[in-house]
Protein backbone atom coordinates (compact mmCIF):
# COMPACT_ATOMS: atom_id res chain seq x y z
CA MET A 1 168.05 57.84 124.77
CA PRO A 2 166.40 59.02 127.74
CA LYS A 3 167.81 62.20 129.19
CA GLN A 4 170.33 61.84 132.42
CA SER A 5 168.92 62.71 135.62
CA LYS A 6 170.67 65.26 137.80
CA ARG A 7 171.63 62.40 140.06
CA GLU A 8 173.13 60.34 137.08
CA LEU A 9 175.13 63.04 135.73
CA ILE A 10 176.57 63.96 139.07
CA ILE A 11 177.75 60.36 139.80
CA GLN A 12 178.88 59.98 136.10
CA GLU A 13 181.05 63.06 136.80
CA ALA A 14 182.05 61.63 140.32
CA ALA A 15 183.61 58.81 138.64
CA LEU A 16 185.77 60.40 136.26
CA ILE A 17 186.96 62.87 139.24
CA PHE A 18 187.71 59.51 141.55
CA LYS A 19 189.55 57.84 138.61
CA GLN A 20 191.61 61.29 137.95
CA LYS A 21 192.51 62.08 141.71
CA GLY A 22 191.31 59.14 143.67
CA TYR A 23 188.21 58.69 145.71
CA SER A 24 190.07 60.01 149.12
CA ALA A 25 191.47 63.32 147.37
CA THR A 26 187.82 64.68 146.06
CA SER A 27 185.50 66.74 147.78
CA MET A 28 181.99 67.30 147.90
CA ARG A 29 182.74 70.85 147.05
CA GLU A 30 185.10 69.84 144.33
CA LEU A 31 182.10 67.65 142.35
CA ALA A 32 179.57 70.60 143.10
CA GLU A 33 181.89 73.20 140.76
CA LYS A 34 182.36 70.21 138.43
CA VAL A 35 178.50 69.84 137.66
CA GLY A 36 177.91 73.69 138.10
CA MET A 37 175.69 73.31 141.49
CA GLU A 38 176.02 74.97 144.83
CA ALA A 39 177.29 72.61 147.50
CA ALA A 40 173.92 72.87 149.17
CA SER A 41 172.07 72.18 145.89
CA LEU A 42 174.29 68.76 145.74
CA TYR A 43 173.12 67.46 148.92
CA ASN A 44 169.30 67.46 147.52
CA HIS A 45 170.54 64.37 145.21
CA ILE A 46 173.45 62.79 146.73
CA ARG A 47 173.94 62.72 150.61
CA SER A 48 178.01 61.82 150.76
CA LYS A 49 180.67 60.57 148.81
CA ASP A 50 179.92 57.47 150.37
CA GLU A 51 176.88 56.66 148.81
CA ILE A 52 178.33 57.65 145.31
CA LEU A 53 181.11 55.15 145.86
CA GLU A 54 178.56 52.62 146.75
CA GLU A 55 176.63 53.02 143.69
CA ILE A 56 179.21 52.85 141.44
CA CYS A 57 180.70 49.88 143.02
CA PHE A 58 178.19 47.84 143.49
CA LYS A 59 176.23 48.97 139.95
CA VAL A 60 179.46 47.22 138.34
CA ALA A 61 179.58 44.16 140.60
CA ASN A 62 176.15 43.26 139.85
CA GLN A 63 176.20 43.66 136.08
CA TYR A 64 179.12 40.86 136.03
CA VAL A 65 176.90 38.93 138.55
CA SER A 66 174.10 39.37 136.03
CA HIS A 67 175.81 38.43 132.93
CA ILE A 68 177.59 35.20 134.47
CA SER A 69 174.04 34.18 135.62
CA SER A 70 172.57 34.69 131.85
CA ILE A 71 175.09 32.25 130.48
CA GLU A 72 175.55 29.58 133.17
CA ASP A 73 172.60 27.63 132.18
CA THR A 74 172.79 27.97 128.33
CA LYS A 75 173.65 24.92 126.24
CA GLU A 76 176.71 26.51 124.96
CA SER A 77 180.06 25.36 125.42
CA ASN A 78 182.66 26.31 128.03
CA VAL A 79 184.46 28.49 125.21
CA GLN A 80 181.63 30.27 123.94
CA LYS A 81 180.40 31.10 127.89
CA LEU A 82 183.75 32.28 128.55
CA ARG A 83 184.12 34.43 125.29
CA ASP A 84 181.13 35.95 126.18
CA LEU A 85 182.11 36.69 129.75
CA ILE A 86 185.35 38.15 128.40
CA GLN A 87 183.60 40.30 125.87
CA LEU A 88 181.26 41.83 128.61
CA HIS A 89 184.75 42.63 130.56
CA VAL A 90 186.15 44.33 127.66
CA ARG A 91 183.41 46.01 126.54
CA MET A 92 182.20 47.30 129.85
CA ILE A 93 186.09 48.72 130.25
CA ILE A 94 185.66 50.44 126.76
CA ASP A 95 182.20 51.69 127.55
CA GLU A 96 182.28 52.62 131.36
CA PRO A 97 186.17 53.16 131.80
CA ASN A 98 185.46 55.58 134.91
CA GLU A 99 183.03 53.53 136.79
CA VAL A 100 185.22 50.29 136.06
CA SER A 101 188.33 52.15 137.53
CA VAL A 102 186.68 53.15 140.46
CA ALA A 103 185.14 49.76 141.54
CA ASN A 104 188.74 48.12 141.01
CA ASN A 105 190.59 50.84 142.43
CA ASP A 106 188.58 52.55 145.29
CA TRP A 107 185.89 49.49 146.59
CA LYS A 108 188.46 49.47 149.84
CA ASN A 109 187.14 52.82 150.85
CA LEU A 110 183.64 51.60 151.29
CA SER A 111 182.28 51.40 154.78
CA ASP A 112 182.88 47.96 156.58
CA THR A 113 179.71 46.81 156.15
CA LYS A 114 179.40 47.47 152.29
CA LYS A 115 183.23 46.53 151.91
CA GLU A 116 182.63 42.75 153.32
CA LEU A 117 179.34 42.62 151.18
CA TYR A 118 181.26 43.66 147.98
CA LYS A 119 183.92 41.14 148.89
CA THR A 120 181.26 38.47 149.21
CA ILE A 121 179.89 39.43 145.42
CA ARG A 122 183.43 39.40 144.06
CA LYS A 123 184.62 36.05 145.83
CA GLY A 124 181.59 34.65 144.17
CA TYR A 125 181.60 35.72 141.01
CA GLU A 126 185.37 34.62 140.93
CA LYS A 127 184.25 31.04 142.14
CA ARG A 128 181.53 30.87 139.31
CA ILE A 129 184.21 31.83 136.90
CA ALA A 130 186.55 29.21 138.30
CA ASN A 131 183.90 26.38 137.72
CA LEU A 132 183.55 27.69 134.34
CA ILE A 133 186.95 27.02 133.26
CA LYS A 134 187.17 23.95 135.49
CA ALA A 135 184.38 22.75 133.12
CA GLY A 136 185.93 23.71 130.28
CA ILE A 137 189.62 21.70 131.33
CA THR A 138 187.11 18.94 132.09
CA ALA A 139 185.63 18.92 128.68
CA GLY A 140 189.25 19.18 126.84
CA GLU A 141 188.03 22.66 126.03
CA PHE A 142 190.71 24.21 128.06
CA LYS A 143 194.34 23.73 128.69
CA GLU A 144 195.12 21.53 131.43
CA LEU A 145 196.30 24.47 133.96
CA ASN A 146 195.87 24.59 137.67
CA VAL A 147 192.19 26.50 137.85
CA SER A 148 193.65 29.04 140.39
CA VAL A 149 196.19 29.97 138.04
CA ALA A 150 194.37 30.02 135.34
CA LEU A 151 191.93 32.30 137.00
CA PHE A 152 194.57 34.60 138.35
CA THR A 153 195.99 34.76 134.71
CA LEU A 154 192.56 35.85 133.15
CA LEU A 155 191.64 38.31 135.89
CA SER A 156 194.71 40.25 136.08
CA SER A 157 194.99 40.49 132.24
CA LEU A 158 191.73 42.03 132.48
CA ARG A 159 192.96 44.55 135.01
CA TRP A 160 195.78 45.09 132.72
CA ILE A 161 193.59 46.22 130.06
CA GLU A 162 191.57 48.50 132.28
CA LEU A 163 194.96 50.52 133.19
CA TRP A 164 196.29 50.35 129.44
CA TYR A 165 193.78 50.19 126.86
CA LYS A 166 192.35 53.07 124.90
CA PRO A 167 189.88 52.91 122.34
CA GLY A 168 191.77 53.83 118.49
CA ARG A 169 194.83 52.01 119.86
CA ASP A 170 196.62 49.64 117.20
CA ILE A 171 193.98 46.38 118.22
CA THR A 172 190.40 46.03 118.47
CA PRO A 173 188.31 45.21 121.03
CA GLU A 174 187.41 41.66 119.03
CA GLN A 175 191.46 41.14 118.94
CA LEU A 176 191.64 41.63 122.75
CA GLU A 177 188.89 39.24 123.55
CA ASN A 178 190.63 36.83 121.21
CA ASP A 179 194.02 37.48 122.64
CA LEU A 180 192.52 36.64 126.45
CA MET A 181 191.07 33.43 125.06
CA THR A 182 194.05 32.11 123.76
CA LEU A 183 195.49 32.29 127.50
CA LEU A 184 193.30 29.38 128.38
CA ILE A 185 192.00 27.84 125.16
CA ASN A 186 193.28 24.52 124.00
CA GLY A 187 195.05 24.68 120.75
CA PHE A 188 192.74 21.66 119.78
CA HIS A 189 189.16 20.98 119.39
CA LYS A 190 187.41 18.08 118.59
CA LEU A 191 185.62 18.27 115.45
CA ALA A 192 183.24 15.64 113.71
CA VAL A 193 184.05 14.51 110.20
CA LYS A 194 180.84 15.70 108.01
CA GLN A 195 182.04 14.18 104.45
CA ILE A 196 184.80 12.19 103.46
CA LYS A 197 185.44 12.00 99.49
CA ARG A 198 187.63 9.65 97.55
CA GLU A 199 189.90 11.97 95.09
CA THR A 200 192.15 9.02 94.09
CA ALA A 201 192.98 5.35 94.93
CA ASP A 202 195.28 6.36 97.91
CA CYS A 203 194.05 10.07 98.43
CA VAL A 204 190.80 11.29 100.23
CA SER A 205 189.37 14.70 101.20
CA VAL A 206 187.49 15.25 104.58
CA VAL A 207 185.07 17.74 105.45
CA LEU A 208 184.97 19.08 109.15
CA ASP A 209 181.92 20.11 110.65
CA VAL A 210 182.68 23.49 112.62
CA PRO A 211 180.17 24.36 115.31
CA ALA A 212 178.80 27.73 115.33
CA GLU A 213 180.75 28.69 118.19
CA LEU A 214 184.15 27.85 116.84
CA GLU A 215 183.72 29.48 113.65
CA SER A 216 185.74 32.50 114.50
CA GLU A 217 188.24 29.92 115.56
CA PHE A 218 188.62 28.12 112.16
CA LYS A 219 188.60 31.21 110.08
CA PHE A 220 191.52 30.60 107.53
CA LYS A 221 193.49 31.90 104.81
CA HIS A 222 194.19 30.38 101.40
CA GLY A 223 197.24 28.47 102.01
CA GLN A 224 196.93 27.49 105.48
CA HIS A 225 197.21 23.79 107.18
CA LEU A 226 195.42 22.26 109.89
CA THR A 227 197.40 20.19 112.51
CA PHE A 228 195.52 16.88 113.66
CA LYS A 229 196.63 15.13 116.72
CA ASP A 230 196.10 11.22 118.22
CA ILE A 231 197.94 9.10 120.56
CA LYS A 232 199.19 5.67 119.84
CA ASP A 233 201.10 3.45 122.28
CA ASN A 234 201.08 6.23 125.04
CA GLU A 235 202.77 8.70 122.52
CA GLU A 236 201.38 12.05 121.09
CA ILE A 237 201.28 12.05 117.22
CA ARG A 238 200.56 15.08 115.10
CA ARG A 239 200.26 15.35 111.31
CA SER A 240 199.68 18.54 109.38
CA TYR A 241 197.31 18.70 106.41
CA SER A 242 196.52 21.39 104.15
CA ILE A 243 193.02 23.11 103.50
CA CYS A 244 192.07 22.53 100.07
CA SER A 245 188.97 24.70 100.16
CA CYS A 246 189.03 28.56 99.85
CA PRO A 247 187.56 30.79 102.30
CA THR A 248 184.42 31.35 100.17
CA ASP A 249 183.48 28.06 99.73
CA GLY A 250 181.51 27.52 102.98
CA GLU A 251 183.33 24.50 104.42
CA LEU A 252 186.69 23.33 105.77
CA ARG A 253 188.15 20.33 103.65
CA VAL A 254 191.36 18.80 103.87
CA ALA A 255 193.24 16.35 101.52
CA VAL A 256 195.37 13.43 103.15
CA LYS A 257 197.42 11.33 100.89
CA LYS A 258 198.28 7.72 102.22
CA ILE A 259 201.63 7.08 102.96
CA THR A 260 203.47 3.61 103.55
CA ASP A 261 203.68 2.87 106.69
CA GLY A 262 201.98 6.64 107.73
CA TYR A 263 199.94 5.82 110.53
CA PHE A 264 197.97 8.97 110.64
CA SER A 265 197.38 9.22 106.61
CA SER A 266 196.38 5.14 106.56
CA TYR A 267 194.08 5.62 109.41
CA ILE A 268 192.12 8.61 107.48
CA ASN A 269 192.13 6.79 104.28
CA ASP A 270 191.22 3.32 105.11
CA GLU A 271 189.35 3.68 108.81
CA LEU A 272 187.67 6.99 109.08
CA LYS A 273 184.07 7.42 108.79
CA VAL A 274 181.39 10.17 108.90
CA GLY A 275 180.43 11.17 112.55
CA ASP A 276 184.16 10.15 113.54
CA VAL A 277 185.47 12.78 115.71
CA LEU A 278 189.19 14.38 115.34
CA ASP A 279 191.60 16.43 117.60
CA VAL A 280 192.26 19.17 115.36
CA MET A 281 194.43 22.80 116.17
CA THR A 282 193.10 25.81 114.55
CA PRO A 283 194.65 26.92 111.14
CA GLN A 284 198.16 27.94 111.04
CA GLY A 285 200.87 28.68 108.28
CA ASN A 286 201.58 31.82 106.15
CA PHE A 287 201.88 30.14 102.83
CA TYR A 288 199.91 32.67 101.28
CA THR A 289 199.94 36.27 99.79
CA GLU A 290 196.99 38.96 100.60
CA VAL A 291 194.54 39.25 97.46
CA HIS A 292 192.95 42.52 96.51
CA VAL A 293 190.06 42.91 93.97
CA ASP A 294 192.31 45.69 92.27
CA ASN A 295 195.53 43.18 92.00
CA LYS A 296 196.31 42.37 88.24
CA LYS A 297 199.22 39.68 88.53
CA THR A 298 200.15 36.43 87.25
CA TYR A 299 200.76 33.86 89.52
CA VAL A 300 202.60 30.54 89.04
CA GLY A 301 201.90 27.50 91.45
CA ILE A 302 204.03 24.49 90.83
CA ALA A 303 203.11 21.27 92.78
CA ALA A 304 203.89 17.56 92.94
CA GLY A 305 201.50 15.00 94.30
CA SER A 306 199.58 16.28 97.27
CA GLY A 307 201.28 19.36 97.40
CA ILE A 308 198.55 20.58 95.21
CA THR A 309 196.36 20.74 98.28
CA PRO A 310 197.45 24.33 99.48
CA ILE A 311 197.67 25.67 95.98
CA LEU A 312 194.13 24.45 94.69
CA SER A 313 192.88 26.64 97.91
CA ILE A 314 195.39 29.63 96.47
CA ILE A 315 194.10 29.16 92.71
CA LYS A 316 190.37 29.51 93.73
CA THR A 317 190.77 32.40 96.14
CA VAL A 318 193.11 34.28 93.20
CA LEU A 319 190.44 33.46 90.28
CA THR A 320 187.23 34.25 92.34
CA GLN A 321 188.98 37.35 94.28
CA GLU A 322 191.23 39.30 91.98
CA PRO A 323 189.34 39.29 88.48
CA GLU A 324 192.26 40.93 86.87
CA SER A 325 195.03 38.20 87.73
CA GLN A 326 195.85 35.18 86.07
CA PHE A 327 197.09 31.84 87.46
CA VAL A 328 199.76 29.50 85.79
CA LEU A 329 199.72 25.78 87.19
CA ILE A 330 202.56 23.28 86.62
CA TYR A 331 201.63 20.00 88.11
CA GLY A 332 203.42 16.80 88.53
CA ASN A 333 201.86 13.15 89.41
CA LYS A 334 203.04 9.58 88.51
CA ASN A 335 200.11 9.46 86.00
CA LYS A 336 196.45 10.53 84.91
CA GLY A 337 195.03 8.55 87.61
CA SER A 338 197.00 9.93 90.57
CA ILE A 339 195.68 13.26 89.59
CA ILE A 340 194.48 14.66 92.98
CA PHE A 341 191.33 16.90 92.22
CA LYS A 342 191.33 16.25 88.51
CA GLU A 343 187.87 17.16 87.84
CA GLU A 344 187.87 20.14 90.28
CA ILE A 345 190.88 21.61 88.37
CA GLU A 346 189.28 20.82 84.71
CA ALA A 347 186.29 22.70 86.00
CA LEU A 348 188.20 25.68 87.17
CA LYS A 349 190.07 25.55 83.69
CA ASN A 350 186.85 26.05 81.62
CA LYS A 351 185.33 28.16 84.01
CA TYR A 352 188.42 30.55 83.59
CA MET A 353 189.68 29.55 80.46
CA GLN A 354 191.14 33.00 79.78
CA ARG A 355 192.87 33.21 83.15
CA PHE A 356 193.79 29.67 84.23
CA SER A 357 196.46 27.64 82.23
CA VAL A 358 197.29 24.17 83.57
CA TYR A 359 200.50 21.86 82.63
CA ASN A 360 200.01 18.31 83.70
CA ILE A 361 203.53 16.94 83.83
CA LEU A 362 203.59 13.04 84.48
CA SER A 363 206.41 10.67 85.47
CA ARG A 364 205.35 7.20 84.51
CA GLU A 365 202.80 8.18 81.37
CA THR A 366 203.74 9.07 77.90
CA ALA A 367 202.85 12.55 77.38
CA ASP A 368 202.19 14.27 73.93
CA ALA A 369 204.92 16.59 74.44
CA GLU A 370 208.55 15.98 75.97
CA ILE A 371 208.45 18.82 78.54
CA LEU A 372 205.23 17.35 79.77
CA SER A 373 207.02 14.24 80.61
CA GLY A 374 209.18 13.15 83.53
CA ARG A 375 209.80 14.70 86.95
CA ILE A 376 209.41 18.32 87.93
CA THR A 377 213.17 19.79 87.78
CA LYS A 378 215.00 22.84 87.65
CA GLU A 379 216.04 22.34 84.05
CA LYS A 380 212.31 21.68 83.18
CA ILE A 381 211.16 25.20 85.35
CA GLU A 382 213.94 27.09 83.55
CA TYR A 383 212.16 25.66 80.19
CA PHE A 384 208.67 26.91 80.93
CA ILE A 385 210.46 30.21 81.93
CA GLN A 386 211.94 30.76 79.07
CA ASN A 387 209.49 29.37 76.45
CA ILE A 388 206.11 29.76 78.05
CA ILE A 389 206.17 31.79 81.27
CA ASP A 390 207.43 35.68 81.04
CA PRO A 391 209.30 35.94 84.68
CA LYS A 392 209.03 39.76 84.32
CA GLN A 393 204.79 39.60 84.43
CA VAL A 394 205.38 36.69 87.33
CA GLY A 395 203.98 38.66 90.72
CA GLU A 396 203.95 35.28 92.96
CA VAL A 397 205.25 32.04 92.89
CA PHE A 398 204.05 28.90 95.16
CA LEU A 399 205.82 26.00 95.24
CA CYS A 400 204.77 22.80 97.24
CA GLY A 401 206.32 19.46 96.77
CA PRO A 402 209.57 17.46 97.31
CA GLU A 403 212.45 19.23 98.57
CA ASP A 404 214.78 19.17 95.22
CA MET A 405 211.69 20.29 93.23
CA ILE A 406 211.22 23.01 95.68
CA LEU A 407 214.86 24.29 95.94
CA GLY A 408 215.56 23.91 92.17
CA GLY A 409 212.05 25.96 91.26
CA ARG A 410 213.09 29.09 93.66
CA ASP A 411 216.45 29.23 92.18
CA ALA A 412 215.38 29.10 88.67
CA PHE A 413 212.68 32.15 89.47
CA VAL A 414 215.24 34.18 91.40
CA GLU A 415 218.00 33.42 88.72
CA ALA A 416 215.23 34.63 86.04
CA GLY A 417 215.08 37.71 88.24
CA LEU A 418 212.36 37.23 90.51
CA GLU A 419 212.70 38.87 93.99
CA ILE A 420 212.97 35.94 96.35
CA GLN A 421 210.32 37.35 98.27
CA ASN A 422 207.87 36.75 96.07
CA VAL A 423 208.63 32.89 95.84
CA HIS A 424 206.78 31.30 98.42
CA PHE A 425 207.34 27.22 99.29
CA GLU A 426 205.96 24.60 101.54
CA LEU A 427 206.68 20.87 102.26
CA PHE A 428 205.99 18.72 105.39
CA PHE A 429 209.15 16.94 105.08
CA SER A 430 212.96 17.64 104.89
CA ALA A 431 215.92 15.72 104.13
CA SER A 432 218.18 18.43 105.36
CA ALA A 433 216.33 18.59 108.68
CA GLU A 434 217.28 15.22 109.12
CA ALA A 435 220.60 15.23 108.03
CA LYS A 436 221.26 18.10 110.52
CA LYS A 437 220.00 16.35 113.28
CA ALA A 438 222.19 13.45 112.95
CA GLU A 439 224.96 15.73 112.42
CA ARG A 440 223.96 17.40 115.87
CA GLN A 441 223.96 14.40 117.55
CA ASN A 442 227.37 13.49 116.60
CA ALA A 443 228.65 16.65 117.49
CA VAL A 444 227.30 16.13 120.81
CA LYS A 445 228.93 13.10 121.31
CA GLU A 446 232.41 13.93 120.09
CA SER A 447 232.68 16.94 122.45
CA ASP A 448 231.64 18.54 125.95
CA ASP A 449 228.61 20.52 125.45
CA THR A 450 228.24 24.44 126.77
CA MET A 451 225.20 24.73 128.54
CA SER A 452 222.53 27.45 128.48
CA LYS A 453 219.63 28.73 130.69
CA VAL A 454 216.79 29.07 128.45
CA THR A 455 213.80 30.51 129.80
CA VAL A 456 210.53 29.72 127.78
CA LYS A 457 207.16 31.92 127.80
CA LEU A 458 203.90 30.93 127.34
CA ASP A 459 200.30 32.10 128.23
CA ALA A 460 202.01 34.55 130.95
CA THR A 461 204.01 31.45 132.41
CA SER A 462 207.89 31.03 132.33
CA LEU A 463 209.72 27.55 132.46
CA GLN A 464 213.48 27.75 133.03
CA ILE A 465 215.38 24.76 131.90
CA ASP A 466 219.26 23.94 131.16
CA LEU A 467 219.76 23.03 127.60
CA GLY A 468 223.19 22.50 125.68
CA TYR A 469 224.38 24.22 122.76
CA HIS A 470 224.44 20.84 120.85
CA GLY A 471 221.43 19.37 122.83
CA ASP A 472 217.88 19.08 122.05
CA THR A 473 215.94 21.58 120.09
CA ILE A 474 214.13 24.37 122.56
CA LEU A 475 210.88 22.67 121.31
CA ASP A 476 211.87 19.23 122.28
CA ALA A 477 213.67 20.55 125.36
CA ALA A 478 210.67 22.36 126.81
CA LEU A 479 208.09 19.63 125.91
CA GLN A 480 210.14 17.20 127.81
CA ASN A 481 209.87 19.30 131.02
CA GLY A 482 206.06 19.37 130.66
CA ALA A 483 205.46 22.70 128.76
CA ASP A 484 202.40 22.52 126.28
CA LEU A 485 203.79 24.26 123.26
CA PRO A 486 202.54 24.60 119.96
CA TYR A 487 204.31 22.52 117.22
CA ALA A 488 203.27 20.22 114.30
CA CYS A 489 206.03 19.02 111.85
CA LYS A 490 208.99 19.56 114.04
CA GLY A 491 210.80 19.65 110.55
CA GLY A 492 211.03 23.67 110.23
CA VAL A 493 208.57 23.83 107.55
CA CYS A 494 205.19 24.80 109.05
CA ALA A 495 205.85 27.81 111.46
CA THR A 496 203.37 26.25 114.01
CA CYS A 497 206.03 26.55 116.60
CA LYS A 498 207.23 30.17 115.89
CA CYS A 499 208.50 32.10 118.88
CA LYS A 500 210.54 35.44 119.60
CA VAL A 501 213.96 35.62 121.29
CA LEU A 502 213.87 38.33 123.68
CA GLU A 503 217.28 37.82 125.13
CA GLY A 504 220.31 36.10 123.93
CA GLU A 505 221.18 34.27 120.78
CA VAL A 506 219.88 31.14 119.20
CA GLU A 507 220.81 29.25 115.86
CA MET A 508 218.57 27.72 113.59
CA ASP A 509 219.54 23.96 111.63
CA ILE A 510 217.25 25.16 109.16
CA ASN A 511 214.15 27.19 108.24
CA TYR A 512 211.81 26.63 104.91
CA SER A 513 208.78 28.69 106.62
CA LEU A 514 209.83 31.71 108.09
CA GLU A 515 210.25 35.17 105.80
CA PRO A 516 212.96 37.50 106.08
CA ASP A 517 211.01 40.23 107.83
CA GLU A 518 209.99 37.79 110.53
CA ILE A 519 213.71 36.51 111.17
CA ALA A 520 214.53 40.29 111.52
CA ALA A 521 212.20 40.96 114.10
CA GLY A 522 213.72 38.24 116.21
CA PHE A 523 211.10 35.26 115.53
CA VAL A 524 212.79 31.46 115.00
CA LEU A 525 211.62 27.96 114.62
CA SER A 526 212.00 26.38 118.28
CA CYS A 527 211.81 22.70 116.55
CA GLN A 528 215.17 24.24 115.04
CA ALA A 529 216.59 26.42 117.52
CA HIS A 530 219.61 26.28 119.85
CA PRO A 531 220.87 28.36 122.31
CA ARG A 532 224.30 30.51 121.26
CA SER A 533 224.38 32.29 124.55
CA ALA A 534 224.72 32.14 128.25
CA ASN A 535 221.36 33.03 128.89
CA VAL A 536 218.06 33.07 126.35
CA VAL A 537 214.55 33.85 126.65
CA VAL A 538 211.80 33.22 124.24
CA ASP A 539 208.41 34.25 124.05
CA PHE A 540 205.51 31.73 122.32
CA ASP A 541 202.87 34.60 122.93
CA ALA A 542 204.79 37.42 120.91
CA LYS A 543 202.63 37.52 117.62
């Protein structure tokens, strides 16, 4: 690194003093003392305070302009261009905090001529950012926001970072950049279909092509899912499908089983082709536990039908990342021909023969042993616990399938002594949720409803709505009032619509996805939440 000139040192120290005391309160004599010079000698390098302020302000402004000029004409997506721009701002705030602070706070002390020039440069820069945001909205990459509001939100957030952020805090620069992107970025991205594989007569797996600029957005944990959307008869339809690949497979693959009268699943199974483009939300869900190379656990996975999809991802991750752990899979299907991923599961069993056990339970085909015939019930799971699986050795249990199987499996392991926080489950339909919805609809017909003022916060904006205690959920009411909120199943099972209660009280119909610590921290499922106080404030930006 070249040695600093005396002039550069003076400007650097001046930026620090200007930030600490303010430009107007700093004298040239004070600056001379700071750099260890006589005041007269200082003027050999710098003519005036004005000259120092000009150099700092225009250096920062020109760096911003230079960077946006370098990215405007690239072939990158608007998402990547904006990400690059935000990264520059954040890194400059971290690397040159004093200069950035002076440029933001003291530019009004420039001479009138320089002040007008600085304002012209700044307005031109802001216009170029606005054009980038507008292009992203037009391309469907960013949310459909008012461009001026989006620009103000972004620049205000960057200013907030300059005032608040200090290196060493509990958030990294990369996290700052990602969180700022979420203020604008559309939750859905257009991904092309790379490969389609027929797994069974009524199930396909689909590999999605993730472009390089979206790789960070689509990094996933084992057990997570993707939400897809489409428009049918002017109505937006969303469906969630679990990721069956594991993070080290190098691909993003989901499995979709065809459901009778299922619009989305039928389209994917019968019509989807390689090269088709789908609207896909970034990975969601907390149906996993962190893996560690030193873990020595016994995992149990219990799945029925397409419930194997997230559990397969978990199995592969555990077997490859925890060499001392074991996995027991109990998998229910109608017959051998309906076993999804049959060959892949067999290959894993052969590769990890000492660590991976598989028990296929068939409901419509005679098995060699009675325990392997029929449906997976609580009684059948209890048989495994009493005769095959030592519950004292079990570290984690994952259940995915019908509601009765999940609840029975949960109770069986808890009654056998496993802590409930070590029993994890996921389902995409809940009969209980439908029953609660009907019960609520009847209640509102039979009584005069109590009203609440509900404030919904998302992307630094707020929406106020009047909502009855027994009326729509907070999610449905906000969607009807034009809010663009994240959601998928609306059944209380995927946690995509999670938000935090900042004020007031709410009550959920059901909860199949939030962990006890999340509930204790104030999080609720907005698709199941109803106000229970005169005022309620919920925040979708809270993590």
